[in-house]
Protein backbone atom coordinates (compact mmCIF):
# COMPACT_ATOMS: atom_id res chain seq x y z
CA MET A 1 153.03 131.62 54.88
CA SER A 2 154.80 128.71 56.09
CA GLU A 3 157.30 126.78 53.88
CA ASP A 4 154.97 123.67 54.09
CA TYR A 5 152.12 125.81 52.66
CA LYS A 6 154.25 127.13 49.87
CA ASP A 7 155.67 123.75 49.05
CA LYS A 8 152.08 122.17 48.91
CA LEU A 9 150.93 124.99 46.57
CA LYS A 10 153.99 124.55 44.29
CA ARG A 11 153.34 120.84 44.28
CA LEU A 12 149.58 121.24 43.41
CA MET A 13 150.57 123.67 40.65
CA ASP A 14 152.98 121.16 39.31
CA GLU A 15 150.38 118.40 39.45
CA TYR A 16 147.97 120.64 37.46
CA VAL A 17 150.52 121.54 34.79
CA ASN A 18 151.41 117.82 34.28
CA PHE A 19 147.75 116.91 34.09
CA VAL A 20 147.28 119.46 31.35
CA TYR A 21 150.25 118.43 29.41
CA LYS A 22 149.12 114.76 29.51
CA ALA A 23 145.38 115.51 28.78
CA THR A 24 146.18 117.80 25.82
CA LYS A 25 148.34 115.04 24.15
CA SER A 26 145.09 113.46 23.21
CA PHE A 27 143.31 116.61 21.87
CA PRO A 28 142.43 116.72 18.18
CA LYS A 29 145.25 117.80 16.02
CA GLU A 30 143.42 120.77 14.74
CA GLU A 31 143.53 122.04 18.30
CA LEU A 32 147.39 122.05 18.45
CA TYR A 33 147.70 125.79 17.81
CA GLY A 34 144.37 126.55 19.52
CA SER A 35 143.18 125.40 22.83
CA THR A 36 146.10 123.00 23.48
CA SER A 37 148.88 125.56 23.06
CA GLN A 38 146.85 128.19 24.93
CA TRP A 39 145.95 125.86 27.90
CA ARG A 40 149.47 124.70 28.19
CA ARG A 41 150.87 128.25 28.21
CA ALA A 42 148.30 129.55 30.64
CA THR A 43 148.94 126.70 32.99
CA LEU A 44 152.76 126.97 32.84
CA SER A 45 152.36 130.75 33.50
CA ILE A 46 150.51 129.91 36.84
CA ILE A 47 153.62 128.23 38.48
CA LEU A 48 156.32 130.19 36.51
CA ASN A 49 154.87 133.45 37.74
CA TYR A 50 154.39 132.16 41.25
CA ILE A 51 158.00 131.00 41.48
CA GLU A 52 159.38 134.19 39.82
CA GLY A 53 157.41 136.33 42.52
CA TYR A 54 159.24 134.53 45.31
CA ALA A 55 162.50 135.33 43.61
CA ARG A 56 161.71 139.10 43.81
CA ARG A 57 162.57 141.04 47.03
CA LYS A 58 160.12 143.89 46.73
CA SER A 59 156.59 143.01 48.11
CA LEU A 60 154.88 145.09 45.44
CA VAL A 61 156.87 143.24 42.78
CA GLN A 62 155.90 139.83 44.42
CA LEU A 63 152.23 140.74 44.52
CA ASN A 64 152.28 141.63 40.86
CA PHE A 65 153.69 138.25 39.97
CA PHE A 66 151.09 136.49 42.16
CA GLU A 67 148.32 138.47 40.60
CA ILE A 68 149.56 137.42 37.19
CA SER A 69 149.62 133.92 38.34
CA TYR A 70 146.09 134.07 39.59
CA GLY A 71 144.85 135.60 36.38
CA SER A 72 146.49 132.83 34.41
CA LEU A 73 144.72 130.32 36.68
CA LYS A 74 141.40 131.89 35.73
CA GLU A 75 142.18 131.72 31.98
CA SER A 76 143.29 128.08 32.46
CA LYS A 77 140.04 127.25 34.36
CA TYR A 78 137.94 128.68 31.36
CA LEU A 79 140.03 126.37 28.99
CA LEU A 80 139.34 123.40 31.27
CA TYR A 81 135.61 124.21 31.09
CA PHE A 82 135.77 124.66 27.25
CA SER A 83 137.72 121.48 26.78
CA ASN A 84 135.22 119.50 28.87
CA LYS A 85 132.34 120.98 26.82
CA GLN A 86 134.12 120.03 23.66
CA LYS A 87 134.42 116.44 25.11
CA PHE A 88 138.17 116.40 24.80
CA PHE A 89 138.28 114.36 28.02
CA ASN A 90 135.95 112.57 30.40
CA ASP A 91 133.76 113.88 33.25
CA SER A 92 135.70 112.23 36.04
CA ASP A 93 138.98 113.81 34.81
CA TYR A 94 137.17 117.18 34.60
CA ALA A 95 135.87 116.88 38.19
CA TYR A 96 139.43 115.88 39.41
CA VAL A 97 141.27 118.86 37.72
CA LEU A 98 138.48 121.29 38.55
CA LYS A 99 138.92 120.45 42.29
CA LEU A 100 142.74 120.83 41.85
CA ALA A 101 142.44 124.14 40.16
CA GLU A 102 139.91 125.42 42.85
CA GLU A 103 142.38 124.41 45.66
CA ILE A 104 145.16 126.16 43.97
CA GLY A 105 143.03 129.37 43.48
CA ALA A 106 142.03 129.35 46.96
CA MET A 107 145.75 128.92 48.23
CA LEU A 108 147.00 131.44 45.84
CA TRP A 109 144.28 133.96 46.88
CA THR A 110 145.32 133.48 50.50
CA GLU A 111 148.79 134.40 49.69
CA ILE A 112 147.75 137.48 47.74
CA SER A 113 145.48 138.67 50.49
CA ALA A 114 148.30 138.18 53.17
CA LEU A 115 150.76 140.07 51.02
CA GLU A 116 148.35 142.87 50.48
CA LYS A 117 147.68 143.14 54.24
CA SER A 118 151.34 143.37 54.99
CA LEU A 119 151.67 146.24 52.56
CA LYS A 120 149.11 148.44 54.43
């Protein structure tokens, strides 16, 4: 993967994290230790595991971190869906952030697949 590709992916992940933090500030107070906390942690886990994966020298270890990142994205996407169903934010924000999450997922999956191929 090129540096431009990796930089774009990190930029999108950062945009996603910042959206989630901003959006969850207006969630109901009773959700502070529920969906707010869980969604923030899952979303941070996406970018933090991705970055940590690149800090590792062994391809299998990198792959493990990238797969954790992808799993956190899936968890985060469910919390996005849940939050929309609960009407914690509007439909246009939902559409925007869902598209962002889908793009991150596709790019991350591409990296995982390329790394898996290089290990064969």
